[in-house]
N, C-alpha and C. Protein backbone atom coordinates (compact mmCIF):
# COMPACT_ATOMS: atom_id res chain seq x y z
N UNK A 1 59.80 -68.06 -16.94
CA UNK A 1 59.64 -66.84 -17.67
C UNK A 1 61.02 -66.22 -17.86
N UNK A 2 61.31 -65.76 -19.04
CA UNK A 2 62.66 -65.25 -19.30
C UNK A 2 62.87 -63.81 -18.81
N UNK A 3 62.42 -63.53 -17.60
CA UNK A 3 62.57 -62.21 -16.99
C UNK A 3 63.00 -62.39 -15.55
N UNK A 4 63.69 -61.41 -14.97
CA UNK A 4 64.08 -61.54 -13.55
C UNK A 4 62.88 -61.43 -12.63
N UNK A 5 62.99 -62.00 -11.42
CA UNK A 5 61.86 -62.00 -10.49
C UNK A 5 61.30 -60.61 -10.19
N UNK A 6 62.12 -59.58 -10.10
CA UNK A 6 61.58 -58.26 -9.76
C UNK A 6 60.66 -57.71 -10.85
N UNK A 7 60.86 -58.11 -12.10
CA UNK A 7 59.98 -57.67 -13.19
C UNK A 7 58.64 -58.40 -13.09
N UNK A 8 58.67 -59.70 -12.82
CA UNK A 8 57.43 -60.47 -12.66
C UNK A 8 56.67 -59.96 -11.44
N UNK A 9 57.39 -59.70 -10.34
CA UNK A 9 56.75 -59.19 -9.13
C UNK A 9 56.06 -57.86 -9.42
N UNK A 10 56.71 -56.97 -10.15
CA UNK A 10 56.13 -55.65 -10.45
C UNK A 10 54.78 -55.80 -11.15
N UNK A 11 54.65 -56.78 -12.02
CA UNK A 11 53.37 -57.02 -12.69
C UNK A 11 52.36 -57.59 -11.71
N UNK A 12 52.75 -58.58 -10.93
CA UNK A 12 51.82 -59.21 -9.99
C UNK A 12 51.39 -58.24 -8.89
N UNK A 13 52.23 -57.27 -8.56
CA UNK A 13 51.91 -56.31 -7.51
C UNK A 13 50.80 -55.34 -7.91
N UNK A 14 50.47 -55.29 -9.16
CA UNK A 14 49.37 -54.44 -9.63
C UNK A 14 48.06 -55.23 -9.46
N UNK A 15 47.63 -55.31 -8.22
CA UNK A 15 46.50 -56.16 -7.86
C UNK A 15 45.23 -55.81 -8.62
N UNK A 16 44.99 -54.53 -8.83
CA UNK A 16 43.76 -54.11 -9.50
C UNK A 16 43.73 -54.53 -10.97
N UNK A 17 44.85 -55.02 -11.50
CA UNK A 17 44.91 -55.49 -12.89
C UNK A 17 44.82 -57.00 -13.00
N UNK A 18 44.49 -57.68 -11.91
CA UNK A 18 44.41 -59.15 -11.93
C UNK A 18 43.45 -59.66 -12.99
N UNK A 19 42.35 -58.97 -13.20
CA UNK A 19 41.37 -59.46 -14.17
C UNK A 19 41.96 -59.52 -15.58
N UNK A 20 42.99 -58.74 -15.85
CA UNK A 20 43.64 -58.79 -17.16
C UNK A 20 44.55 -60.00 -17.29
N UNK A 21 44.92 -60.61 -16.16
CA UNK A 21 45.85 -61.76 -16.17
C UNK A 21 45.15 -63.08 -15.88
N UNK A 22 43.98 -63.02 -15.26
CA UNK A 22 43.33 -64.24 -14.80
C UNK A 22 42.19 -64.62 -15.72
N UNK A 23 42.24 -65.84 -16.21
CA UNK A 23 41.25 -66.32 -17.18
C UNK A 23 39.85 -66.39 -16.60
N UNK A 24 39.72 -66.52 -15.28
CA UNK A 24 38.39 -66.68 -14.67
C UNK A 24 37.90 -65.42 -13.97
N UNK A 25 38.66 -64.32 -14.01
CA UNK A 25 38.26 -63.10 -13.29
C UNK A 25 37.59 -62.11 -14.23
N UNK A 26 36.43 -61.63 -13.83
CA UNK A 26 35.72 -60.59 -14.59
C UNK A 26 36.12 -59.20 -14.11
N UNK A 27 36.31 -59.04 -12.80
CA UNK A 27 36.69 -57.74 -12.25
C UNK A 27 37.40 -57.92 -10.92
N UNK A 28 38.24 -56.95 -10.59
CA UNK A 28 38.96 -56.92 -9.32
C UNK A 28 38.87 -55.51 -8.78
N UNK A 29 38.42 -55.39 -7.53
CA UNK A 29 38.28 -54.08 -6.89
C UNK A 29 38.94 -54.14 -5.52
N UNK A 30 39.81 -53.17 -5.25
CA UNK A 30 40.38 -53.06 -3.90
C UNK A 30 39.30 -52.48 -3.01
N UNK A 31 38.96 -53.19 -1.93
CA UNK A 31 37.86 -52.74 -1.07
C UNK A 31 38.31 -52.28 0.31
N UNK A 32 39.57 -52.58 0.69
CA UNK A 32 40.03 -52.16 2.01
C UNK A 32 41.54 -52.29 2.08
N UNK A 33 42.12 -51.50 2.95
CA UNK A 33 43.55 -51.59 3.21
C UNK A 33 44.37 -50.83 2.20
N UNK A 34 45.68 -51.03 2.25
CA UNK A 34 46.57 -50.34 1.32
C UNK A 34 46.34 -50.80 -0.11
N UNK A 35 46.83 -50.03 -1.07
CA UNK A 35 46.64 -50.39 -2.48
C UNK A 35 47.31 -51.72 -2.82
N UNK A 36 48.45 -51.98 -2.22
CA UNK A 36 49.17 -53.21 -2.54
C UNK A 36 50.14 -53.53 -1.41
N UNK A 37 49.70 -54.40 -0.51
CA UNK A 37 50.55 -54.79 0.60
C UNK A 37 49.78 -55.82 1.43
N UNK A 38 50.44 -56.41 2.42
CA UNK A 38 49.72 -57.28 3.34
C UNK A 38 48.60 -56.47 3.98
N UNK A 39 47.42 -57.04 4.06
CA UNK A 39 46.26 -56.34 4.59
C UNK A 39 45.32 -55.82 3.52
N UNK A 40 45.75 -55.80 2.27
CA UNK A 40 44.87 -55.38 1.18
C UNK A 40 43.75 -56.40 1.01
N UNK A 41 42.51 -55.91 0.89
CA UNK A 41 41.37 -56.79 0.60
C UNK A 41 40.84 -56.46 -0.78
N UNK A 42 40.54 -57.51 -1.51
CA UNK A 42 40.04 -57.39 -2.88
C UNK A 42 38.71 -58.10 -3.00
N UNK A 43 37.83 -57.53 -3.82
CA UNK A 43 36.64 -58.26 -4.24
C UNK A 43 36.89 -58.67 -5.68
N UNK A 44 36.86 -59.97 -5.90
CA UNK A 44 37.11 -60.52 -7.23
C UNK A 44 35.84 -61.20 -7.71
N UNK A 45 35.33 -60.75 -8.84
CA UNK A 45 34.17 -61.39 -9.48
C UNK A 45 34.72 -62.39 -10.49
N UNK A 46 34.33 -63.66 -10.32
CA UNK A 46 34.87 -64.72 -11.17
C UNK A 46 33.76 -65.48 -11.88
N UNK A 47 34.19 -66.26 -12.86
CA UNK A 47 33.27 -67.16 -13.55
C UNK A 47 34.02 -68.45 -13.87
N UNK A 48 33.32 -69.52 -13.84
CA UNK A 48 33.84 -70.82 -14.23
C UNK A 48 32.72 -71.47 -15.01
N UNK A 49 32.83 -71.40 -16.33
CA UNK A 49 31.72 -71.83 -17.17
C UNK A 49 30.53 -70.94 -16.88
N UNK A 50 29.35 -71.53 -16.65
CA UNK A 50 28.16 -70.71 -16.39
C UNK A 50 28.06 -70.21 -14.94
N UNK A 51 28.97 -70.66 -14.07
CA UNK A 51 28.91 -70.29 -12.66
C UNK A 51 29.63 -68.97 -12.41
N UNK A 52 28.97 -68.10 -11.65
CA UNK A 52 29.54 -66.79 -11.28
C UNK A 52 29.68 -66.76 -9.77
N UNK A 53 30.74 -66.09 -9.30
CA UNK A 53 30.95 -66.02 -7.85
C UNK A 53 31.67 -64.73 -7.50
N UNK A 54 31.53 -64.36 -6.23
CA UNK A 54 32.28 -63.25 -5.66
C UNK A 54 33.28 -63.87 -4.70
N UNK A 55 34.53 -63.42 -4.79
CA UNK A 55 35.57 -63.90 -3.89
C UNK A 55 36.15 -62.69 -3.17
N UNK A 56 36.18 -62.72 -1.87
CA UNK A 56 36.87 -61.71 -1.09
C UNK A 56 38.23 -62.31 -0.73
N UNK A 57 39.28 -61.62 -1.14
CA UNK A 57 40.63 -62.11 -0.94
C UNK A 57 41.39 -61.09 -0.10
N UNK A 58 42.08 -61.58 0.92
CA UNK A 58 42.94 -60.70 1.71
C UNK A 58 44.39 -61.13 1.52
N UNK A 59 45.24 -60.17 1.21
CA UNK A 59 46.67 -60.44 1.07
C UNK A 59 47.25 -60.62 2.47
N UNK A 60 47.89 -61.76 2.72
CA UNK A 60 48.44 -62.05 4.05
C UNK A 60 49.96 -62.00 4.08
N UNK A 61 50.61 -62.08 2.94
CA UNK A 61 52.07 -61.96 2.88
C UNK A 61 52.42 -61.15 1.65
N UNK A 62 53.38 -60.25 1.82
CA UNK A 62 53.82 -59.36 0.73
C UNK A 62 55.30 -59.12 0.95
N UNK A 63 56.11 -59.96 0.33
CA UNK A 63 57.55 -59.92 0.55
C UNK A 63 58.29 -59.89 -0.79
N UNK A 64 58.35 -58.72 -1.43
CA UNK A 64 58.99 -58.64 -2.75
C UNK A 64 60.42 -59.18 -2.72
N UNK A 65 60.86 -59.94 -3.70
CA UNK A 65 60.10 -60.30 -4.88
C UNK A 65 59.25 -61.56 -4.72
N UNK A 66 59.16 -62.14 -3.53
CA UNK A 66 58.26 -63.26 -3.30
C UNK A 66 58.41 -63.67 -1.86
N UNK A 67 57.47 -64.28 -1.24
CA UNK A 67 56.16 -64.71 -1.75
C UNK A 67 55.08 -63.65 -1.56
N UNK A 68 53.98 -63.90 -2.22
CA UNK A 68 52.73 -63.19 -1.98
C UNK A 68 51.72 -64.28 -1.63
N UNK A 69 50.99 -64.08 -0.53
CA UNK A 69 50.02 -65.09 -0.10
C UNK A 69 48.68 -64.41 0.16
N UNK A 70 47.60 -65.18 -0.03
CA UNK A 70 46.25 -64.65 0.17
C UNK A 70 45.39 -65.67 0.89
N UNK A 71 44.28 -65.15 1.46
CA UNK A 71 43.23 -65.98 2.04
C UNK A 71 41.95 -65.68 1.28
N UNK A 72 41.28 -66.73 0.79
CA UNK A 72 39.98 -66.60 0.14
C UNK A 72 38.92 -66.68 1.24
N UNK A 73 37.98 -65.70 1.28
CA UNK A 73 37.08 -65.59 2.43
C UNK A 73 35.60 -65.71 2.10
N UNK A 74 35.25 -66.21 0.96
CA UNK A 74 33.83 -66.35 0.62
C UNK A 74 33.45 -67.83 0.63
N UNK A 75 32.45 -68.20 -0.17
CA UNK A 75 31.95 -69.57 -0.17
C UNK A 75 33.07 -70.57 -0.45
N UNK A 76 33.85 -70.31 -1.48
CA UNK A 76 35.06 -71.10 -1.71
C UNK A 76 36.13 -70.43 -0.88
N UNK A 77 36.66 -71.16 0.09
CA UNK A 77 37.64 -70.57 1.01
C UNK A 77 38.96 -71.30 0.85
N UNK A 78 39.96 -70.75 1.50
CA UNK A 78 41.27 -71.39 1.46
C UNK A 78 42.38 -70.38 1.34
N UNK A 79 43.54 -70.87 0.91
CA UNK A 79 44.72 -70.02 0.78
C UNK A 79 45.35 -70.19 -0.59
N UNK A 80 46.11 -69.18 -0.97
CA UNK A 80 46.87 -69.22 -2.20
C UNK A 80 48.20 -68.53 -1.99
N UNK A 81 49.18 -68.91 -2.79
CA UNK A 81 50.51 -68.30 -2.67
C UNK A 81 51.23 -68.41 -3.99
N UNK A 82 52.00 -67.37 -4.32
CA UNK A 82 52.93 -67.55 -5.42
C UNK A 82 54.33 -67.23 -4.96
N UNK A 83 55.27 -67.98 -5.52
CA UNK A 83 56.69 -67.82 -5.25
C UNK A 83 57.40 -67.57 -6.56
N UNK A 84 58.37 -66.71 -6.55
CA UNK A 84 59.20 -66.43 -7.71
C UNK A 84 60.62 -66.85 -7.36
N UNK A 85 61.18 -67.73 -8.16
CA UNK A 85 62.53 -68.22 -7.92
C UNK A 85 63.38 -67.89 -9.12
N UNK A 86 64.51 -67.23 -8.87
CA UNK A 86 65.42 -66.89 -9.97
C UNK A 86 66.09 -68.16 -10.48
N UNK A 87 66.13 -68.29 -11.80
CA UNK A 87 66.79 -69.42 -12.45
C UNK A 87 67.74 -68.86 -13.51
N UNK A 88 68.62 -69.68 -14.05
CA UNK A 88 69.51 -69.19 -15.11
C UNK A 88 68.75 -68.66 -16.34
N UNK A 89 67.51 -69.14 -16.55
CA UNK A 89 66.72 -68.70 -17.70
C UNK A 89 65.70 -67.62 -17.36
N UNK A 90 65.72 -67.10 -16.13
CA UNK A 90 64.76 -66.06 -15.76
C UNK A 90 64.12 -66.33 -14.42
N UNK A 91 62.82 -66.59 -14.44
CA UNK A 91 62.06 -66.76 -13.21
C UNK A 91 61.18 -67.99 -13.30
N UNK A 92 61.21 -68.77 -12.26
CA UNK A 92 60.25 -69.87 -12.12
C UNK A 92 59.11 -69.34 -11.26
N UNK A 93 57.88 -69.45 -11.77
CA UNK A 93 56.68 -68.97 -11.10
C UNK A 93 55.95 -70.19 -10.56
N UNK A 94 55.81 -70.28 -9.24
CA UNK A 94 55.09 -71.39 -8.61
C UNK A 94 53.85 -70.83 -7.94
N UNK A 95 52.70 -71.36 -8.32
CA UNK A 95 51.41 -70.89 -7.82
C UNK A 95 50.73 -72.06 -7.13
N UNK A 96 50.38 -71.91 -5.87
CA UNK A 96 49.75 -72.97 -5.10
C UNK A 96 48.42 -72.46 -4.53
N UNK A 97 47.38 -73.24 -4.65
CA UNK A 97 46.07 -72.93 -4.07
C UNK A 97 45.61 -74.13 -3.25
N UNK A 98 45.11 -73.86 -2.06
CA UNK A 98 44.49 -74.87 -1.21
C UNK A 98 43.06 -74.38 -0.95
N UNK A 99 42.12 -74.95 -1.71
CA UNK A 99 40.74 -74.46 -1.66
C UNK A 99 39.81 -75.47 -1.00
N UNK A 100 38.76 -74.92 -0.38
CA UNK A 100 37.69 -75.74 0.20
C UNK A 100 36.37 -75.28 -0.40
N UNK A 101 35.65 -76.23 -0.96
CA UNK A 101 34.34 -75.93 -1.53
C UNK A 101 33.27 -76.12 -0.46
N UNK A 102 32.24 -75.27 -0.46
CA UNK A 102 31.14 -75.44 0.51
C UNK A 102 30.29 -76.65 0.14
N UNK A 103 29.44 -77.05 1.07
CA UNK A 103 28.60 -78.22 0.85
C UNK A 103 27.74 -78.09 -0.40
N UNK A 104 27.24 -76.86 -0.68
CA UNK A 104 26.33 -76.70 -1.83
C UNK A 104 27.07 -76.75 -3.17
N UNK A 105 28.39 -76.78 -3.15
CA UNK A 105 29.17 -77.02 -4.37
C UNK A 105 29.82 -78.40 -4.33
N UNK A 106 29.32 -79.25 -3.44
CA UNK A 106 29.78 -80.63 -3.38
C UNK A 106 30.91 -80.88 -2.40
N UNK A 107 31.31 -79.85 -1.64
CA UNK A 107 32.38 -80.05 -0.65
C UNK A 107 33.64 -80.60 -1.28
N UNK A 108 34.27 -81.55 -0.60
CA UNK A 108 35.53 -82.13 -1.08
C UNK A 108 35.36 -82.82 -2.44
N UNK A 109 34.24 -83.53 -2.61
CA UNK A 109 34.00 -84.21 -3.89
C UNK A 109 33.85 -83.20 -5.02
N UNK A 110 33.16 -82.10 -4.75
CA UNK A 110 33.01 -81.05 -5.76
C UNK A 110 34.35 -80.46 -6.16
N UNK A 111 35.22 -80.28 -5.17
CA UNK A 111 36.56 -79.78 -5.49
C UNK A 111 37.30 -80.74 -6.40
N UNK A 112 37.28 -82.03 -6.05
CA UNK A 112 38.01 -83.02 -6.87
C UNK A 112 37.44 -83.11 -8.28
N UNK A 113 36.12 -82.95 -8.41
CA UNK A 113 35.53 -82.95 -9.75
C UNK A 113 35.92 -81.70 -10.54
N UNK A 114 36.03 -80.57 -9.86
CA UNK A 114 36.38 -79.31 -10.52
C UNK A 114 37.88 -79.15 -10.75
N UNK A 115 38.68 -79.93 -10.07
CA UNK A 115 40.13 -79.76 -10.12
C UNK A 115 40.72 -79.74 -11.53
N UNK A 116 40.37 -80.67 -12.43
CA UNK A 116 40.95 -80.61 -13.78
C UNK A 116 40.59 -79.30 -14.51
N UNK A 117 39.36 -78.84 -14.35
CA UNK A 117 38.96 -77.58 -14.97
C UNK A 117 39.72 -76.41 -14.36
N UNK A 118 39.85 -76.40 -13.03
CA UNK A 118 40.61 -75.33 -12.36
C UNK A 118 42.06 -75.31 -12.84
N UNK A 119 42.66 -76.46 -13.00
CA UNK A 119 44.06 -76.50 -13.50
C UNK A 119 44.16 -75.89 -14.89
N UNK A 120 43.19 -76.17 -15.75
CA UNK A 120 43.22 -75.58 -17.10
C UNK A 120 43.05 -74.06 -17.03
N UNK A 121 42.14 -73.60 -16.18
CA UNK A 121 41.93 -72.16 -16.02
C UNK A 121 43.19 -71.50 -15.50
N UNK A 122 43.83 -72.09 -14.51
CA UNK A 122 45.06 -71.51 -13.94
C UNK A 122 46.20 -71.54 -14.96
N UNK A 123 46.28 -72.60 -15.77
CA UNK A 123 47.31 -72.65 -16.82
C UNK A 123 47.08 -71.52 -17.84
N UNK A 124 45.80 -71.28 -18.20
CA UNK A 124 45.50 -70.16 -19.12
C UNK A 124 45.88 -68.83 -18.48
N UNK A 125 45.66 -68.70 -17.17
CA UNK A 125 46.02 -67.47 -16.46
C UNK A 125 47.53 -67.25 -16.53
N UNK A 126 48.32 -68.30 -16.36
CA UNK A 126 49.77 -68.16 -16.46
C UNK A 126 50.19 -67.79 -17.88
N UNK A 127 49.50 -68.33 -18.89
CA UNK A 127 49.78 -67.94 -20.27
C UNK A 127 49.48 -66.47 -20.49
N UNK A 128 48.37 -65.99 -19.93
CA UNK A 128 48.03 -64.57 -20.05
C UNK A 128 49.09 -63.71 -19.38
N UNK A 129 49.59 -64.13 -18.23
CA UNK A 129 50.65 -63.40 -17.55
C UNK A 129 51.90 -63.36 -18.43
N UNK A 130 52.29 -64.48 -19.01
CA UNK A 130 53.45 -64.51 -19.89
C UNK A 130 53.28 -63.54 -21.06
N UNK A 131 52.08 -63.53 -21.66
CA UNK A 131 51.82 -62.60 -22.78
C UNK A 131 51.94 -61.16 -22.32
N UNK A 132 51.37 -60.83 -21.16
CA UNK A 132 51.46 -59.45 -20.64
C UNK A 132 52.90 -59.03 -20.43
N UNK A 133 53.71 -59.96 -19.90
CA UNK A 133 55.11 -59.64 -19.63
C UNK A 133 55.95 -59.57 -20.90
N UNK A 134 55.53 -60.21 -21.95
CA UNK A 134 56.31 -60.18 -23.20
C UNK A 134 55.90 -59.01 -24.10
N UNK A 135 54.82 -58.32 -23.76
CA UNK A 135 54.36 -57.17 -24.54
C UNK A 135 54.99 -55.91 -23.97
N UNK A 136 55.68 -55.15 -24.82
CA UNK A 136 56.33 -53.92 -24.30
C UNK A 136 55.34 -52.88 -23.83
């Protein structure tokens, strides 16, 4: 992204606006803890095709301008993290998710089957973030 890390971080730090950046999020509500810091808990309502889910996410690391890390605490569990690295052209945004699907979603096999779709959804989310950052 052709912006410095602190500008990208400022956008990502607005946790309650995640639904505007994430292709699979319908709503984001802060349900506990500080507005934006380690310890913040969010309820995220998501969709993936016809499937709807609630995700409780707790922020576990908050170190501006990076990293920010979370734990997913509902049926789909796991961790996520983003890192912002300054480059000569702006910021490199690295987003990593380690998810576990429950047995009723196929467990490990279900994850591997969903992985290509999840990658497309996450790529669209990064495109939405780029658009938000390029709009004055």
